[in-house]
N, C-alpha and C. Protein backbone atom coordinates (compact mmCIF):
# COMPACT_ATOMS: atom_id res chain seq x y z
N MET A 1 97.31 67.18 99.77
CA MET A 1 98.45 68.37 99.59
C MET A 1 98.05 69.91 99.38
N ARG A 2 98.13 70.86 100.00
CA ARG A 2 97.84 72.72 99.90
C ARG A 2 98.39 72.45 98.63
N GLN A 3 97.72 73.43 97.53
CA GLN A 3 98.32 74.46 96.62
C GLN A 3 99.08 75.08 96.69
N PRO A 4 100.23 74.88 95.49
CA PRO A 4 101.04 76.30 96.15
C PRO A 4 100.08 78.23 95.89
N ILE A 5 100.58 79.01 96.49
CA ILE A 5 99.86 80.08 96.04
C ILE A 5 100.59 80.78 95.01
N LYS A 6 99.23 81.26 94.14
CA LYS A 6 100.10 82.13 92.85
C LYS A 6 100.59 82.65 93.63
N GLN A 7 102.20 83.59 92.78
CA GLN A 7 102.50 84.38 92.64
C GLN A 7 103.08 84.86 91.64
N GLU A 8 103.41 86.39 91.59
CA GLU A 8 103.82 86.53 90.70
C GLU A 8 104.86 87.83 90.74
N LEU A 9 106.20 86.98 90.30
CA LEU A 9 107.27 88.11 90.69
C LEU A 9 107.77 88.66 90.14
N SER A 10 108.41 90.30 90.11
CA SER A 10 108.65 90.98 89.22
C SER A 10 109.46 91.32 89.26
N CYS A 11 110.81 91.60 88.26
CA CYS A 11 112.20 91.52 87.98
C CYS A 11 112.30 93.42 87.78
N LYS A 12 112.76 93.83 88.92
CA LYS A 12 113.08 95.58 89.31
C LYS A 12 114.19 96.47 88.70
N TRP A 13 115.25 95.26 88.31
CA TRP A 13 116.36 95.81 87.72
C TRP A 13 116.56 96.61 86.56
N ILE A 14 117.50 97.70 86.91
CA ILE A 14 117.30 99.33 86.05
C ILE A 14 118.38 99.10 85.25
N ASP A 15 118.06 98.72 84.10
CA ASP A 15 119.12 98.78 82.74
C ASP A 15 120.63 100.09 83.09
N GLU A 16 121.41 99.95 83.52
CA GLU A 16 122.42 100.66 84.21
C GLU A 16 123.07 101.58 82.85
N ALA A 17 122.59 101.40 81.16
CA ALA A 17 123.03 101.62 80.00
C ALA A 17 121.89 102.94 79.81
N GLN A 18 120.86 102.86 80.67
CA GLN A 18 119.82 103.83 80.50
C GLN A 18 120.17 105.18 81.27
N LEU A 19 119.58 106.09 80.23
CA LEU A 19 120.43 107.75 80.59
C LEU A 19 119.27 108.39 81.33
N SER A 20 118.36 108.06 80.24
CA SER A 20 116.70 108.64 80.30
C SER A 20 116.48 108.80 81.89
N ARG A 21 115.75 109.93 82.12
CA ARG A 21 114.64 109.83 83.19
C ARG A 21 113.01 110.19 82.90
N PRO A 22 112.45 109.28 83.07
CA PRO A 22 112.59 108.25 84.76
C PRO A 22 113.04 107.21 83.94
N LYS A 23 113.92 106.38 85.32
CA LYS A 23 114.67 104.88 84.86
C LYS A 23 113.37 103.80 84.55
N LYS A 24 112.99 102.89 83.78
CA LYS A 24 112.83 101.96 83.71
C LYS A 24 113.10 100.74 83.94
N SER A 25 112.14 99.99 84.74
CA SER A 25 113.06 98.71 85.45
C SER A 25 112.28 97.46 84.22
N CYS A 26 113.11 96.74 84.40
CA CYS A 26 113.24 95.66 83.49
C CYS A 26 111.29 94.95 83.37
N ASP A 27 110.99 94.47 84.70
CA ASP A 27 109.29 94.41 84.92
C ASP A 27 108.99 93.29 84.37
N ARG A 28 109.98 92.48 84.28
CA ARG A 28 109.86 90.72 83.67
C ARG A 28 108.94 90.68 84.95
N THR A 29 107.57 89.27 84.24
CA THR A 29 107.53 88.50 86.06
C THR A 29 107.43 87.08 85.36
N PHE A 30 107.27 86.51 86.33
CA PHE A 30 107.82 85.08 86.53
C PHE A 30 106.99 84.56 87.48
N SER A 31 106.57 83.32 87.29
CA SER A 31 105.94 82.61 88.99
C SER A 31 106.26 81.92 89.74
N THR A 32 107.84 81.90 89.03
CA THR A 32 108.67 80.90 90.46
C THR A 32 110.05 82.01 90.97
N MET A 33 110.40 81.97 92.29
CA MET A 33 111.34 82.57 93.16
C MET A 33 112.20 82.00 91.97
N HIS A 34 112.66 80.63 91.71
CA HIS A 34 114.04 80.12 90.58
C HIS A 34 114.04 80.84 89.20
N GLU A 35 112.65 81.19 88.69
CA GLU A 35 112.64 81.87 87.33
C GLU A 35 112.92 83.08 87.41
N LEU A 36 112.88 83.68 88.68
CA LEU A 36 113.14 84.95 88.55
C LEU A 36 114.64 85.39 89.17
N VAL A 37 115.15 84.68 89.99
CA VAL A 37 116.28 84.08 90.26
C VAL A 37 117.51 83.76 88.76
N THR A 38 116.84 82.81 88.41
CA THR A 38 117.74 82.71 87.21
C THR A 38 117.67 83.59 86.31
N HIS A 39 116.67 84.39 85.76
CA HIS A 39 116.54 85.38 85.03
C HIS A 39 118.03 86.55 85.38
N VAL A 40 117.48 86.80 86.83
CA VAL A 40 118.22 88.27 87.38
C VAL A 40 119.62 87.93 87.26
N THR A 41 120.46 86.64 87.59
CA THR A 41 121.38 86.03 87.22
C THR A 41 122.17 86.29 85.97
N MET A 42 121.40 86.02 85.08
CA MET A 42 122.00 85.58 83.54
C MET A 42 121.93 86.58 82.77
N GLU A 43 120.46 87.48 83.57
CA GLU A 43 120.49 88.86 82.16
C GLU A 43 121.26 90.21 82.85
N HIS A 44 121.04 90.00 84.06
CA HIS A 44 121.37 91.33 84.28
C HIS A 44 123.18 91.53 85.85
N VAL A 45 123.17 90.32 86.47
CA VAL A 45 124.00 90.50 87.03
C VAL A 45 125.24 89.69 86.03
N GLY A 46 125.34 89.38 84.92
CA GLY A 46 126.44 88.51 84.29
C GLY A 46 126.79 87.67 84.76
N GLY A 47 127.93 86.90 83.83
CA GLY A 47 129.38 85.38 84.23
C GLY A 47 130.53 86.31 84.99
N PRO A 48 131.59 85.48 84.69
CA PRO A 48 132.44 85.65 85.18
C PRO A 48 133.75 86.70 84.94
N GLU A 49 133.18 87.10 83.57
CA GLU A 49 134.20 87.98 82.49
C GLU A 49 133.22 90.11 83.13
N GLN A 50 132.19 89.81 84.27
CA GLN A 50 131.59 90.89 84.21
C GLN A 50 132.61 91.16 85.41
N ASN A 51 132.93 92.13 85.74
CA ASN A 51 134.04 93.05 86.69
C ASN A 51 132.97 93.75 87.67
N ASN A 52 131.99 94.32 87.42
CA ASN A 52 131.71 95.79 88.00
C ASN A 52 130.06 94.89 88.58
N HIS A 53 130.30 94.46 89.72
CA HIS A 53 128.93 94.19 90.84
C HIS A 53 128.72 95.32 91.28
N VAL A 54 127.96 95.93 90.61
CA VAL A 54 126.73 96.86 91.64
C VAL A 54 124.70 96.24 90.92
N CYS A 55 124.49 96.63 92.19
CA CYS A 55 123.25 96.59 92.31
C CYS A 55 121.91 97.55 91.58
N TYR A 56 121.78 97.48 90.53
CA TYR A 56 120.31 98.54 90.17
C TYR A 56 119.14 98.34 90.26
N TRP A 57 119.06 97.14 91.35
CA TRP A 57 117.71 96.98 91.67
C TRP A 57 116.80 98.56 91.92
N GLU A 58 115.23 98.53 91.44
CA GLU A 58 114.72 99.55 91.84
C GLU A 58 115.07 100.18 93.25
N GLU A 59 114.97 101.39 93.30
CA GLU A 59 115.43 102.17 94.48
C GLU A 59 116.28 100.96 95.70
N CYS A 60 117.55 100.59 95.40
CA CYS A 60 118.49 100.17 95.99
C CYS A 60 119.09 101.25 96.98
N PRO A 61 119.29 100.70 98.30
CA PRO A 61 119.48 101.93 99.02
C PRO A 61 121.40 101.72 99.28
N ARG A 62 121.98 101.62 98.61
CA ARG A 62 123.58 101.46 97.83
C ARG A 62 123.67 102.07 96.55
N GLU A 63 122.86 102.53 96.22
CA GLU A 63 122.58 103.36 95.26
C GLU A 63 124.47 103.50 94.43
N GLY A 64 124.38 102.40 93.80
CA GLY A 64 125.27 102.61 92.47
C GLY A 64 126.88 102.08 93.49
N LYS A 65 126.74 101.31 94.26
CA LYS A 65 127.76 101.14 95.66
C LYS A 65 128.27 99.69 94.99
N SER A 66 129.50 99.53 94.51
CA SER A 66 129.87 98.34 93.64
C SER A 66 130.10 97.34 94.97
N PHE A 67 130.01 96.12 94.53
CA PHE A 67 130.57 94.89 95.85
C PHE A 67 131.41 94.52 95.24
N LYS A 68 133.07 93.93 95.88
CA LYS A 68 134.39 93.54 95.33
C LYS A 68 134.29 92.00 94.76
N ALA A 69 133.30 91.40 94.69
CA ALA A 69 133.17 90.22 93.97
C ALA A 69 131.91 89.84 93.83
N LYS A 70 131.23 89.07 92.74
CA LYS A 70 130.15 88.79 92.15
C LYS A 70 129.20 87.75 92.86
N TYR A 71 130.01 87.55 94.48
CA TYR A 71 129.27 86.52 95.52
C TYR A 71 128.27 87.22 95.88
N LYS A 72 129.10 88.30 96.56
CA LYS A 72 128.40 89.33 97.43
C LYS A 72 127.49 89.99 96.83
N LEU A 73 127.27 90.44 95.62
CA LEU A 73 126.28 90.77 94.80
C LEU A 73 125.11 89.85 94.96
N VAL A 74 125.38 88.28 94.24
CA VAL A 74 124.19 87.71 94.29
C VAL A 74 123.49 87.75 95.69
N ASN A 75 124.21 87.52 97.00
CA ASN A 75 123.71 87.09 98.34
C ASN A 75 123.05 88.92 98.69
N HIS A 76 123.07 89.94 97.77
CA HIS A 76 122.49 91.29 98.28
C HIS A 76 121.42 90.98 97.29
N ILE A 77 121.24 90.94 96.25
CA ILE A 77 119.98 90.96 95.29
C ILE A 77 119.01 90.12 96.17
N ARG A 78 119.39 89.07 96.72
CA ARG A 78 118.23 88.19 97.83
C ARG A 78 117.47 89.26 98.79
N VAL A 79 117.80 90.42 99.33
CA VAL A 79 117.14 91.59 99.97
C VAL A 79 116.08 91.74 99.00
N HIS A 80 116.39 92.10 98.08
CA HIS A 80 115.27 92.33 97.01
C HIS A 80 114.47 91.27 96.34
N THR A 81 114.75 90.29 95.99
CA THR A 81 113.82 89.10 95.20
C THR A 81 113.37 87.91 96.89
N GLY A 82 113.87 88.16 97.82
CA GLY A 82 113.27 87.65 99.26
C GLY A 82 113.71 86.21 98.98
N GLU A 83 114.69 85.31 98.22
CA GLU A 83 114.85 84.17 98.10
C GLU A 83 115.80 83.65 99.16
N LYS A 84 115.39 82.40 100.18
CA LYS A 84 115.90 81.96 100.93
C LYS A 84 116.47 80.63 100.14
N PRO A 85 117.72 80.18 99.83
CA PRO A 85 117.57 78.47 99.50
C PRO A 85 118.57 78.04 100.41
N PHE A 86 118.68 78.43 101.97
CA PHE A 86 119.29 77.46 102.65
C PHE A 86 118.21 76.85 103.76
N PRO A 87 117.39 76.39 103.59
CA PRO A 87 116.81 75.71 104.95
C PRO A 87 117.41 74.61 105.66
N CYS A 88 116.42 74.85 107.04
CA CYS A 88 117.27 74.42 107.91
C CYS A 88 117.03 72.26 108.23
N PRO A 89 117.64 71.62 108.12
CA PRO A 89 117.58 70.43 107.52
C PRO A 89 117.21 69.26 108.95
N PHE A 90 116.84 70.23 109.92
CA PHE A 90 116.42 69.24 111.14
C PHE A 90 114.89 68.77 111.37
N PRO A 91 114.29 68.28 110.90
CA PRO A 91 112.88 67.70 111.17
C PRO A 91 112.35 68.70 112.14
N GLY A 92 111.12 69.34 110.99
CA GLY A 92 109.76 70.13 111.72
C GLY A 92 110.96 71.27 112.35
N CYS A 93 111.74 72.06 112.07
CA CYS A 93 112.20 73.42 112.02
C CYS A 93 111.67 73.83 111.46
N GLY A 94 111.87 73.99 110.03
CA GLY A 94 111.04 75.16 108.84
C GLY A 94 112.15 76.54 108.93
N LYS A 95 112.60 76.62 109.44
CA LYS A 95 113.22 77.76 109.46
C LYS A 95 114.17 77.70 107.99
N ILE A 96 114.04 78.65 107.15
CA ILE A 96 115.11 79.18 105.81
C ILE A 96 115.58 79.98 105.86
N PHE A 97 116.98 80.50 104.92
CA PHE A 97 117.63 81.42 105.42
C PHE A 97 118.47 81.65 103.58
N ALA A 98 118.51 83.31 103.76
CA ALA A 98 119.40 84.24 102.52
C ALA A 98 120.85 83.44 102.71
N ARG A 99 121.59 83.41 103.55
CA ARG A 99 122.54 83.11 103.77
C ARG A 99 123.03 82.03 104.29
N SER A 100 123.86 81.50 103.93
CA SER A 100 124.91 80.06 104.13
C SER A 100 125.15 80.01 105.28
N GLU A 101 125.30 81.30 105.98
CA GLU A 101 126.38 81.76 107.39
C GLU A 101 125.12 81.58 108.54
N ASN A 102 124.28 82.40 108.23
CA ASN A 102 123.05 82.18 108.78
C ASN A 102 122.70 80.84 109.74
N LEU A 103 122.31 80.40 108.33
CA LEU A 103 122.22 78.66 109.05
C LEU A 103 123.25 78.25 109.43
N LYS A 104 123.88 78.05 109.00
CA LYS A 104 125.34 77.69 109.77
C LYS A 104 125.26 77.78 111.44
N ILE A 105 125.39 79.14 111.53
CA ILE A 105 125.14 79.60 112.98
C ILE A 105 123.48 79.54 114.29
N HIS A 106 122.13 79.17 112.90
CA HIS A 106 120.87 78.40 113.26
C HIS A 106 121.15 77.23 114.11
N LYS A 107 121.88 76.01 112.83
CA LYS A 107 121.97 74.89 113.55
C LYS A 107 123.14 74.83 114.54
N ARG A 108 123.75 75.40 115.25
CA ARG A 108 124.21 75.71 116.48
C ARG A 108 123.07 75.43 117.57
N THR A 109 121.79 76.15 117.58
CA THR A 109 120.46 76.09 118.45
C THR A 109 120.36 74.54 118.85
N HIS A 110 120.49 73.65 117.17
CA HIS A 110 119.42 72.17 117.41
C HIS A 110 120.81 71.46 118.10
N THR A 111 121.77 72.04 117.82
CA THR A 111 123.28 70.87 117.96
C THR A 111 123.59 71.32 119.54
N GLY A 112 124.21 72.82 120.13
CA GLY A 112 124.41 73.13 121.58
C GLY A 112 126.28 73.04 120.96
N LYS A 113 126.77 73.17 119.41
CA LYS A 113 128.18 73.43 118.94
C LYS A 113 128.39 74.67 118.20
N GLY A 114 129.20 74.75 118.69
CA GLY A 114 129.87 76.27 118.43
C GLY A 114 131.02 75.96 117.51
N GLU A 115 131.91 77.34 117.06
CA GLU A 115 133.00 76.79 116.13
C GLU A 115 133.64 75.52 116.60
N GLY A 116 134.54 74.82 116.35
CA GLY A 116 135.81 73.94 116.52
C GLY A 116 134.92 72.73 117.57
N GLY A 117 133.41 72.35 117.53
CA GLY A 117 133.18 71.73 118.22
C GLY A 117 132.45 71.99 119.76
N ARG A 118 133.37 73.29 120.14
CA ARG A 118 132.84 73.84 121.81
C ARG A 118 131.50 73.84 121.47
N GLY A 119 130.90 73.92 122.58
CA GLY A 119 129.34 74.23 123.14
C GLY A 119 129.04 75.61 123.40
N VAL A 120 127.87 75.79 122.57
CA VAL A 120 127.82 77.62 122.66
C VAL A 120 127.61 77.84 124.54
N ARG A 121 128.00 79.06 124.89
CA ARG A 121 128.21 79.46 126.49
C ARG A 121 126.84 80.18 126.34
N ARG A 122 126.04 80.07 127.22
CA ARG A 122 124.93 80.24 127.81
C ARG A 122 124.71 81.63 128.02
N GLY A 123 123.83 82.33 127.65
CA GLY A 123 123.98 83.51 128.18
C GLY A 123 124.56 84.68 127.40
N THR A 124 125.15 84.59 126.15
CA THR A 124 125.81 85.27 125.47
C THR A 124 125.00 85.62 123.90
N ALA A 125 125.47 86.71 123.98
CA ALA A 125 124.35 86.83 122.26
C ALA A 125 124.96 86.51 121.28
N PRO A 126 124.15 86.68 120.43
CA PRO A 126 124.66 86.58 119.15
C PRO A 126 125.19 87.75 118.68
N ARG A 127 126.38 87.57 117.36
CA ARG A 127 126.98 88.51 117.09
C ARG A 127 126.43 89.89 116.87
N SER A 128 125.42 89.55 115.92
CA SER A 128 124.48 90.89 115.41
C SER A 128 123.75 91.71 116.88
N ARG A 129 123.24 90.80 117.19
CA ARG A 129 123.12 91.84 118.75
C ARG A 129 123.81 93.03 119.16
N LEU A 130 124.85 92.24 119.04
CA LEU A 130 126.00 93.02 119.90
C LEU A 130 126.30 94.14 119.23
N SER A 131 126.66 93.89 118.10
CA SER A 131 126.68 95.10 117.22
C SER A 131 125.86 96.21 117.01
N ALA A 132 124.56 95.69 117.13
CA ALA A 132 123.50 96.70 117.19
C ALA A 132 123.64 97.58 118.29
N ARG A 133 123.84 97.19 119.21
CA ARG A 133 123.36 97.84 120.80
C ARG A 133 124.59 98.17 121.12
N GLY A 134 126.15 97.48 120.77
CA GLY A 134 127.22 98.37 121.45
C GLY A 134 127.51 97.14 122.23
N SER A 135 128.63 96.26 122.73
CA SER A 135 129.01 95.70 123.56
C SER A 135 128.60 96.58 125.20
N GLU A 136 129.32 97.23 125.23
CA GLU A 136 128.96 98.17 126.77
C GLU A 136 127.65 98.08 126.96
N GLY A 137 126.87 98.20 126.57
CA GLY A 137 124.98 98.34 126.83
C GLY A 137 124.45 97.28 126.95
N TRP A 138 125.17 96.15 126.29
CA TRP A 138 124.93 94.66 126.23
C TRP A 138 125.13 93.99 127.74
N ARG A 139 126.75 94.27 128.13
CA ARG A 139 127.58 94.02 129.71
C ARG A 139 126.51 94.56 130.52
N ARG A 140 126.07 95.97 130.61
CA ARG A 140 125.84 96.71 131.72
C ARG A 140 123.84 96.29 131.64
N GLU A 141 123.31 95.77 130.34
CA GLU A 141 122.07 95.39 130.77
C GLU A 141 121.99 93.59 131.48
N ARG A 142 123.26 92.89 131.86
CA ARG A 142 123.31 91.98 132.41
C ARG A 142 124.23 92.05 133.35
N GLY A 143 124.41 92.73 133.65
CA GLY A 143 124.98 93.10 135.27
C GLY A 143 126.19 92.63 134.94
N ALA A 144 126.91 92.70 134.02
CA ALA A 144 128.26 92.63 133.91
C ALA A 144 129.60 93.59 134.07
N ALA A 145 130.88 93.31 134.27
CA ALA A 145 131.44 94.26 134.56
C ALA A 145 131.80 95.20 133.47
N PRO A 146 132.76 96.52 133.29
CA PRO A 146 132.68 96.65 131.64
C PRO A 146 134.07 96.67 131.53
N LEU A 147 134.55 96.56 130.25
CA LEU A 147 135.56 96.02 129.96
C LEU A 147 136.68 97.01 129.57
N ARG A 148 137.91 96.62 130.20
CA ARG A 148 139.03 97.96 130.64
C ARG A 148 138.96 98.44 129.31
N GLY A 149 139.60 100.19 129.99
CA GLY A 149 140.10 100.93 129.07
C GLY A 149 138.70 101.94 128.28
N ARG A 150 137.28 101.15 128.78
CA ARG A 150 136.40 101.62 128.17
C ARG A 150 135.70 102.78 129.18
N SER A 151 135.17 104.10 128.99
CA SER A 151 134.23 104.95 129.79
C SER A 151 132.77 104.54 129.72
N LYS A 152 132.58 104.82 131.02
CA LYS A 152 131.01 104.40 131.31
C LYS A 152 129.81 105.65 130.21
N LYS A 153 129.63 105.18 130.03
CA LYS A 153 128.14 106.15 129.36
C LYS A 153 127.65 106.93 129.69
């Protein structure tokens, strides 16, 4: 059996009450992802009484923009920590995901099932690809007719 790789994970949460410049991050170090995630959740994100759901991770591009719910902040923090708590249950796959929704979509590659038990249509792009390029560009690439009411670019 292989030895686990020794890693040192550091908390980069900035105390929002700290007004001095330059701001200093927490910088506590942890040997496991579980320890880091537990620390960030308990010490920085706060409990159910907390109604300010802002990410104060060092250099977070959200720049203090609040989330409407705590679970959305917890999901977002995975971008910074690299936590991926949702492994694919299919033997031999080995893929892991940061979001349960992404695992749910991925599972369809194994089962061939879409929402409501329908099969996944062949030749359709995942939603993320459509939104990144725009559906018209995607349709043009595949020789499909343009959607009605839209002008050609």
